[in-house]
Amino acid sequence: MNKKMLITGATDGIGLETAKKLAAMGREVLIHGRNPAKLDAAAHAVEEHARLPRYSLTAWTCASSSTRWRRCC
């Protein structure tokens, strides 16, 4: 069974590096960030780093003025 890994603060630093390593291991990775542009760049960085035929990446962001989540990328 493949567990889903949620990484918050995944747009840079430790969060981004963790997401890259988990994706490279073939894990199902969900990343979260507040800035949609930075989140998009992080998603592309994770995808480039994974280089595996099988991994899953979902990027989510939440507007600070509402509680509605939206999928990014």
PDB file of N, CA and C in Angstrom:
ATOM      1  N   MET A   1       0.842  -1.184   0.000  1.00  0.00           N
ATOM      2  CA  MET A   1       0.000   0.000   0.000  1.00  0.00           C
ATOM      3  C   MET A   1       0.885   1.245   0.000  1.00  0.00           C
ATOM      4  N   ASN A   2       0.633   2.148  -0.930  1.00  0.00           N
ATOM      5  CA  ASN A   2       1.407   3.371  -1.032  1.00  0.00           C
ATOM      6  C   ASN A   2       0.704   4.474  -0.240  1.00  0.00           C
ATOM      7  N   LYS A   3       1.354   4.981   0.766  1.00  0.00           N
ATOM      8  CA  LYS A   3       0.766   6.043   1.577  1.00  0.00           C
ATOM      9  C   LYS A   3       0.972   7.392   0.915  1.00  0.00           C
ATOM     10  N   LYS A   4       0.020   8.292   1.116  1.00  0.00           N
ATOM     11  CA  LYS A   4       0.138   9.655   0.605  1.00  0.00           C
ATOM     12  C   LYS A   4       0.952  10.471   1.594  1.00  0.00           C
ATOM     13  N   MET A   5       1.860  11.262   1.046  1.00  0.00           N
ATOM     14  CA  MET A   5       2.709  12.122   1.871  1.00  0.00           C
ATOM     15  C   MET A   5       2.341  13.572   1.605  1.00  0.00           C
ATOM     16  N   LEU A   6       1.890  14.295   2.621  1.00  0.00           N
ATOM     17  CA  LEU A   6       1.554  15.711   2.499  1.00  0.00           C
ATOM     18  C   LEU A   6       2.723  16.525   3.030  1.00  0.00           C
ATOM     19  N   ILE A   7       3.259  17.384   2.171  1.00  0.00           N
ATOM     20  CA  ILE A   7       4.378  18.247   2.552  1.00  0.00           C
ATOM     21  C   ILE A   7       3.876  19.683   2.546  1.00  0.00           C
ATOM     22  N   THR A   8       3.874  20.309   3.709  1.00  0.00           N
ATOM     23  CA  THR A   8       3.492  21.715   3.789  1.00  0.00           C
ATOM     24  C   THR A   8       4.755  22.563   3.687  1.00  0.00           C
ATOM     25  N   GLY A   9       4.604  23.770   3.198  1.00  0.00           N
ATOM     26  CA  GLY A   9       5.775  24.629   3.024  1.00  0.00           C
ATOM     27  C   GLY A   9       6.733  24.054   1.995  1.00  0.00           C
ATOM     28  N   ALA A  10       6.154  23.481   0.934  1.00  0.00           N
ATOM     29  CA  ALA A  10       6.960  22.751  -0.047  1.00  0.00           C
ATOM     30  C   ALA A  10       7.491  23.617  -1.181  1.00  0.00           C
ATOM     31  N   THR A  11       7.390  24.930  -1.068  1.00  0.00           N
ATOM     32  CA  THR A  11       7.850  25.782  -2.162  1.00  0.00           C
ATOM     33  C   THR A  11       9.348  26.059  -2.119  1.00  0.00           C
ATOM     34  N   ASP A  12       9.995  25.787  -0.995  1.00  0.00           N
ATOM     35  CA  ASP A  12      11.445  25.963  -0.909  1.00  0.00           C
ATOM     36  C   ASP A  12      11.982  25.256   0.330  1.00  0.00           C
ATOM     37  N   GLY A  13      13.279  25.297   0.480  1.00  0.00           N
ATOM     38  CA  GLY A  13      13.929  24.769   1.676  1.00  0.00           C
ATOM     39  C   GLY A  13      13.721  23.283   1.922  1.00  0.00           C
ATOM     40  N   ILE A  14      13.577  22.938   3.192  1.00  0.00           N
ATOM     41  CA  ILE A  14      13.446  21.545   3.608  1.00  0.00           C
ATOM     42  C   ILE A  14      12.209  20.898   3.005  1.00  0.00           C
ATOM     43  N   GLY A  15      11.113  21.632   2.920  1.00  0.00           N
ATOM     44  CA  GLY A  15       9.884  21.082   2.358  1.00  0.00           C
ATOM     45  C   GLY A  15      10.047  20.666   0.911  1.00  0.00           C
ATOM     46  N   LEU A  16      10.682  21.504   0.118  1.00  0.00           N
ATOM     47  CA  LEU A  16      10.899  21.203  -1.294  1.00  0.00           C
ATOM     48  C   LEU A  16      11.839  20.008  -1.449  1.00  0.00           C
ATOM     49  N   GLU A  17      12.919  19.988  -0.698  1.00  0.00           N
ATOM     50  CA  GLU A  17      13.873  18.876  -0.791  1.00  0.00           C
ATOM     51  C   GLU A  17      13.232  17.560  -0.350  1.00  0.00           C
ATOM     52  N   THR A  18      12.386  17.616   0.664  1.00  0.00           N
ATOM     53  CA  THR A  18      11.677  16.414   1.119  1.00  0.00           C
ATOM     54  C   THR A  18      10.741  15.901   0.034  1.00  0.00           C
ATOM     55  N   ALA A  19      10.010  16.805  -0.594  1.00  0.00           N
ATOM     56  CA  ALA A  19       9.093  16.418  -1.672  1.00  0.00           C
ATOM     57  C   ALA A  19       9.860  15.782  -2.828  1.00  0.00           C
ATOM     58  N   LYS A  20      11.002  16.335  -3.174  1.00  0.00           N
ATOM     59  CA  LYS A  20      11.826  15.781  -4.253  1.00  0.00           C
ATOM     60  C   LYS A  20      12.273  14.357  -3.934  1.00  0.00           C
ATOM     61  N   LYS A  21      12.761  14.166  -2.716  1.00  0.00           N
ATOM     62  CA  LYS A  21      13.262  12.841  -2.341  1.00  0.00           C
ATOM     63  C   LYS A  21      12.145  11.808  -2.294  1.00  0.00           C
ATOM     64  N   LEU A  22      10.985  12.185  -1.760  1.00  0.00           N
ATOM     65  CA  LEU A  22       9.863  11.242  -1.698  1.00  0.00           C
ATOM     66  C   LEU A  22       9.364  10.882  -3.096  1.00  0.00           C
ATOM     67  N   ALA A  23       9.288  11.864  -3.981  1.00  0.00           N
ATOM     68  CA  ALA A  23       8.863  11.586  -5.356  1.00  0.00           C
ATOM     69  C   ALA A  23       9.874  10.686  -6.050  1.00  0.00           C
ATOM     70  N   ALA A  24      11.163  10.921  -5.790  1.00  0.00           N
ATOM     71  CA  ALA A  24      12.199  10.093  -6.388  1.00  0.00           C
ATOM     72  C   ALA A  24      12.131   8.652  -5.895  1.00  0.00           C
ATOM     73  N   MET A  25      11.537   8.448  -4.717  1.00  0.00           N
ATOM     74  CA  MET A  25      11.345   7.102  -4.172  1.00  0.00           C
ATOM     75  C   MET A  25      10.064   6.458  -4.700  1.00  0.00           C
ATOM     76  N   GLY A  26       9.318   7.207  -5.516  1.00  0.00           N
ATOM     77  CA  GLY A  26       8.096   6.666  -6.082  1.00  0.00           C
ATOM     78  C   GLY A  26       6.871   6.847  -5.215  1.00  0.00           C
ATOM     79  N   ARG A  27       6.933   7.713  -4.224  1.00  0.00           N
ATOM     80  CA  ARG A  27       5.821   7.938  -3.308  1.00  0.00           C
ATOM     81  C   ARG A  27       4.758   8.842  -3.926  1.00  0.00           C
ATOM     82  N   GLU A  28       3.567   8.800  -3.359  1.00  0.00           N
ATOM     83  CA  GLU A  28       2.500   9.709  -3.754  1.00  0.00           C
ATOM     84  C   GLU A  28       2.641  10.967  -2.903  1.00  0.00           C
ATOM     85  N   VAL A  29       2.987  12.079  -3.547  1.00  0.00           N
ATOM     86  CA  VAL A  29       3.332  13.304  -2.840  1.00  0.00           C
ATOM     87  C   VAL A  29       2.301  14.386  -3.104  1.00  0.00           C
ATOM     88  N   LEU A  30       1.815  14.999  -2.032  1.00  0.00           N
ATOM     89  CA  LEU A  30       0.940  16.164  -2.119  1.00  0.00           C
ATOM     90  C   LEU A  30       1.715  17.326  -1.526  1.00  0.00           C
ATOM     91  N   ILE A  31       1.862  18.403  -2.309  1.00  0.00           N
ATOM     92  CA  ILE A  31       2.600  19.555  -1.790  1.00  0.00           C
ATOM     93  C   ILE A  31       1.646  20.728  -1.603  1.00  0.00           C
ATOM     94  N   HIS A  32       1.957  21.550  -0.606  1.00  0.00           N
ATOM     95  CA  HIS A  32       1.130  22.708  -0.295  1.00  0.00           C
ATOM     96  C   HIS A  32       2.016  23.934  -0.184  1.00  0.00           C
ATOM     97  N   GLY A  33       1.488  25.047  -0.661  1.00  0.00           N
ATOM     98  CA  GLY A  33       2.176  26.320  -0.521  1.00  0.00           C
ATOM     99  C   GLY A  33       1.186  27.454  -0.664  1.00  0.00           C
ATOM    100  N   ARG A  34       1.492  28.600  -0.108  1.00  0.00           N
ATOM    101  CA  ARG A  34       0.569  29.739  -0.163  1.00  0.00           C
ATOM    102  C   ARG A  34       0.656  30.522  -1.458  1.00  0.00           C
ATOM    103  N   ASN A  35       1.817  30.534  -2.075  1.00  0.00           N
ATOM    104  CA  ASN A  35       2.033  31.325  -3.276  1.00  0.00           C
ATOM    105  C   ASN A  35       1.893  30.427  -4.511  1.00  0.00           C
ATOM    106  N   PRO A  36       0.842  30.616  -5.315  1.00  0.00           N
ATOM    107  CA  PRO A  36       0.620  29.749  -6.473  1.00  0.00           C
ATOM    108  C   PRO A  36       1.785  29.720  -7.467  1.00  0.00           C
ATOM    109  N   ALA A  37       2.448  30.845  -7.681  1.00  0.00           N
ATOM    110  CA  ALA A  37       3.567  30.884  -8.624  1.00  0.00           C
ATOM    111  C   ALA A  37       4.748  30.064  -8.103  1.00  0.00           C
ATOM    112  N   LYS A  38       5.064  30.213  -6.820  1.00  0.00           N
ATOM    113  CA  LYS A  38       6.145  29.435  -6.228  1.00  0.00           C
ATOM    114  C   LYS A  38       5.784  27.957  -6.172  1.00  0.00           C
ATOM    115  N   LEU A  39       4.503  27.672  -5.944  1.00  0.00           N
ATOM    116  CA  LEU A  39       4.056  26.283  -5.886  1.00  0.00           C
ATOM    117  C   LEU A  39       4.179  25.621  -7.255  1.00  0.00           C
ATOM    118  N   ASP A  40       3.845  26.357  -8.293  1.00  0.00           N
ATOM    119  CA  ASP A  40       3.976  25.845  -9.648  1.00  0.00           C
ATOM    120  C   ASP A  40       5.448  25.527  -9.956  1.00  0.00           C
ATOM    121  N   ALA A  41       6.335  26.438  -9.582  1.00  0.00           N
ATOM    122  CA  ALA A  41       7.773  26.215  -9.804  1.00  0.00           C
ATOM    123  C   ALA A  41       8.262  25.012  -8.997  1.00  0.00           C
ATOM    124  N   ALA A  42       7.772  24.866  -7.776  1.00  0.00           N
ATOM    125  CA  ALA A  42       8.167  23.724  -6.943  1.00  0.00           C
ATOM    126  C   ALA A  42       7.677  22.418  -7.551  1.00  0.00           C
ATOM    127  N   ALA A  43       6.458  22.416  -8.079  1.00  0.00           N
ATOM    128  CA  ALA A  43       5.916  21.207  -8.701  1.00  0.00           C
ATOM    129  C   ALA A  43       6.771  20.788  -9.887  1.00  0.00           C
ATOM    130  N   HIS A  44       7.197  21.739 -10.688  1.00  0.00           N
ATOM    131  CA  HIS A  44       8.060  21.423 -11.834  1.00  0.00           C
ATOM    132  C   HIS A  44       9.419  20.903 -11.361  1.00  0.00           C
ATOM    133  N   ALA A  45       9.946  21.477 -10.291  1.00  0.00           N
ATOM    134  CA  ALA A  45      11.232  21.024  -9.756  1.00  0.00           C
ATOM    135  C   ALA A  45      11.129  19.585  -9.243  1.00  0.00           C
ATOM    136  N   VAL A  46      10.030  19.263  -8.568  1.00  0.00           N
ATOM    137  CA  VAL A  46       9.826  17.903  -8.059  1.00  0.00           C
ATOM    138  C   VAL A  46       9.703  16.928  -9.226  1.00  0.00           C
ATOM    139  N   GLU A  47       8.943  17.310 -10.236  1.00  0.00           N
ATOM    140  CA  GLU A  47       8.772  16.439 -11.402  1.00  0.00           C
ATOM    141  C   GLU A  47      10.097  16.171 -12.106  1.00  0.00           C
ATOM    142  N   GLU A  48      10.922  17.182 -12.251  1.00  0.00           N
ATOM    143  CA  GLU A  48      12.219  17.009 -12.899  1.00  0.00           C
ATOM    144  C   GLU A  48      13.149  16.126 -12.071  1.00  0.00           C
ATOM    145  N   HIS A  49      13.049  16.251 -10.766  1.00  0.00           N
ATOM    146  CA  HIS A  49      13.926  15.483  -9.878  1.00  0.00           C
ATOM    147  C   HIS A  49      13.510  14.016  -9.806  1.00  0.00           C
ATOM    148  N   ALA A  50      12.217  13.738  -9.871  1.00  0.00           N
ATOM    149  CA  ALA A  50      11.721  12.368  -9.684  1.00  0.00           C
ATOM    150  C   ALA A  50      12.251  11.432 -10.764  1.00  0.00           C
ATOM    151  N   ARG A  51      12.068  11.787 -12.032  1.00  0.00           N
ATOM    152  CA  ARG A  51      12.575  10.996 -13.160  1.00  0.00           C
ATOM    153  C   ARG A  51      12.216   9.514 -13.074  1.00  0.00           C
ATOM    154  N   LEU A  52      11.076   9.209 -12.500  1.00  0.00           N
ATOM    155  CA  LEU A  52      10.613   7.830 -12.413  1.00  0.00           C
ATOM    156  C   LEU A  52       9.369   7.664 -13.263  1.00  0.00           C
ATOM    157  N   PRO A  53       9.144   6.486 -13.783  1.00  0.00           N
ATOM    158  CA  PRO A  53       7.915   6.295 -14.554  1.00  0.00           C
ATOM    159  C   PRO A  53       6.673   6.303 -13.656  1.00  0.00           C
ATOM    160  N   ARG A  54       6.886   6.080 -12.362  1.00  0.00           N
ATOM    161  CA  ARG A  54       5.719   5.996 -11.500  1.00  0.00           C
ATOM    162  C   ARG A  54       5.891   6.799 -10.209  1.00  0.00           C
ATOM    163  N   TYR A  55       5.204   7.883 -10.120  1.00  0.00           N
ATOM    164  CA  TYR A  55       5.083   8.660  -8.897  1.00  0.00           C
ATOM    165  C   TYR A  55       3.849   9.518  -9.083  1.00  0.00           C
ATOM    166  N   SER A  56       3.377  10.103  -8.023  1.00  0.00           N
ATOM    167  CA  SER A  56       2.178  10.932  -8.113  1.00  0.00           C
ATOM    168  C   SER A  56       2.444  12.246  -7.389  1.00  0.00           C
ATOM    169  N   LEU A  57       2.086  13.342  -8.027  1.00  0.00           N
ATOM    170  CA  LEU A  57       2.309  14.662  -7.441  1.00  0.00           C
ATOM    171  C   LEU A  57       1.045  15.491  -7.583  1.00  0.00           C
ATOM    172  N   THR A  58       0.592  16.045  -6.490  1.00  0.00           N
ATOM    173  CA  THR A  58      -0.549  16.949  -6.487  1.00  0.00           C
ATOM    174  C   THR A  58      -0.132  18.205  -5.732  1.00  0.00           C
ATOM    175  N   ALA A  59      -0.436  19.362  -6.289  1.00  0.00           N
ATOM    176  CA  ALA A  59      -0.077  20.635  -5.650  1.00  0.00           C
ATOM    177  C   ALA A  59      -1.356  21.362  -5.259  1.00  0.00           C
ATOM    178  N   TRP A  60      -1.417  21.850  -4.030  1.00  0.00           N
ATOM    179  CA  TRP A  60      -2.595  22.560  -3.510  1.00  0.00           C
ATOM    180  C   TRP A  60      -2.175  23.886  -2.901  1.00  0.00           C
ATOM    181  N   THR A  61      -3.035  24.865  -3.069  1.00  0.00           N
ATOM    182  CA  THR A  61      -2.808  26.154  -2.427  1.00  0.00           C
ATOM    183  C   THR A  61      -4.124  26.642  -1.843  1.00  0.00           C
ATOM    184  N   CYS A  62      -4.048  27.524  -0.884  1.00  0.00           N
ATOM    185  CA  CYS A  62      -5.238  28.072  -0.246  1.00  0.00           C
ATOM    186  C   CYS A  62      -5.089  29.581  -0.180  1.00  0.00           C
ATOM    187  N   ALA A  63      -6.085  30.287  -0.686  1.00  0.00           N
ATOM    188  CA  ALA A  63      -6.056  31.753  -0.621  1.00  0.00           C
ATOM    189  C   ALA A  63      -6.165  32.188   0.836  1.00  0.00           C
ATOM    190  N   SER A  64      -5.410  33.185   1.216  1.00  0.00           N
ATOM    191  CA  SER A  64      -5.395  33.609   2.618  1.00  0.00           C
ATOM    192  C   SER A  64      -6.720  34.221   3.060  1.00  0.00           C
ATOM    193  N   SER A  65      -7.530  34.701   2.126  1.00  0.00           N
ATOM    194  CA  SER A  65      -8.784  35.348   2.506  1.00  0.00           C
ATOM    195  C   SER A  65      -9.965  34.376   2.522  1.00  0.00           C
ATOM    196  N   SER A  66      -9.727  33.117   2.207  1.00  0.00           N
ATOM    197  CA  SER A  66     -10.823  32.153   2.241  1.00  0.00           C
ATOM    198  C   SER A  66     -10.308  30.796   2.636  1.00  0.00           C
ATOM    199  N   THR A  67     -11.214  29.881   2.887  1.00  0.00           N
ATOM    200  CA  THR A  67     -10.811  28.530   3.248  1.00  0.00           C
ATOM    201  C   THR A  67     -10.983  27.583   2.075  1.00  0.00           C
ATOM    202  N   ARG A  68     -11.267  28.097   0.896  1.00  0.00           N
ATOM    203  CA  ARG A  68     -11.420  27.254  -0.282  1.00  0.00           C
ATOM    204  C   ARG A  68     -10.055  26.869  -0.828  1.00  0.00           C
ATOM    205  N   TRP A  69      -9.857  25.603  -1.015  1.00  0.00           N
ATOM    206  CA  TRP A  69      -8.617  25.093  -1.561  1.00  0.00           C
ATOM    207  C   TRP A  69      -8.751  24.962  -3.066  1.00  0.00           C
ATOM    208  N   ARG A  70      -7.672  25.129  -3.763  1.00  0.00           N
ATOM    209  CA  ARG A  70      -7.717  24.910  -5.197  1.00  0.00           C
ATOM    210  C   ARG A  70      -6.479  24.134  -5.624  1.00  0.00           C
ATOM    211  N   ARG A  71      -6.690  23.305  -6.608  1.00  0.00           N
ATOM    212  CA  ARG A  71      -5.580  22.531  -7.127  1.00  0.00           C
ATOM    213  C   ARG A  71      -4.776  23.412  -8.076  1.00  0.00           C
ATOM    214  N   CYS A  72      -3.499  23.312  -7.980  1.00  0.00           N
ATOM    215  CA  CYS A  72      -2.594  24.111  -8.790  1.00  0.00           C
ATOM    216  C   CYS A  72      -1.832  23.172  -9.711  1.00  0.00           C
ATOM    217  N   CYS A  73      -1.441  23.635 -10.865  1.00  0.00           N
ATOM    218  CA  CYS A  73      -0.615  22.865 -11.810  1.00  0.00           C
ATOM    219  C   CYS A  73      -1.412  21.789 -12.502  1.00  0.00           C
TER     220      CYS A  73
END
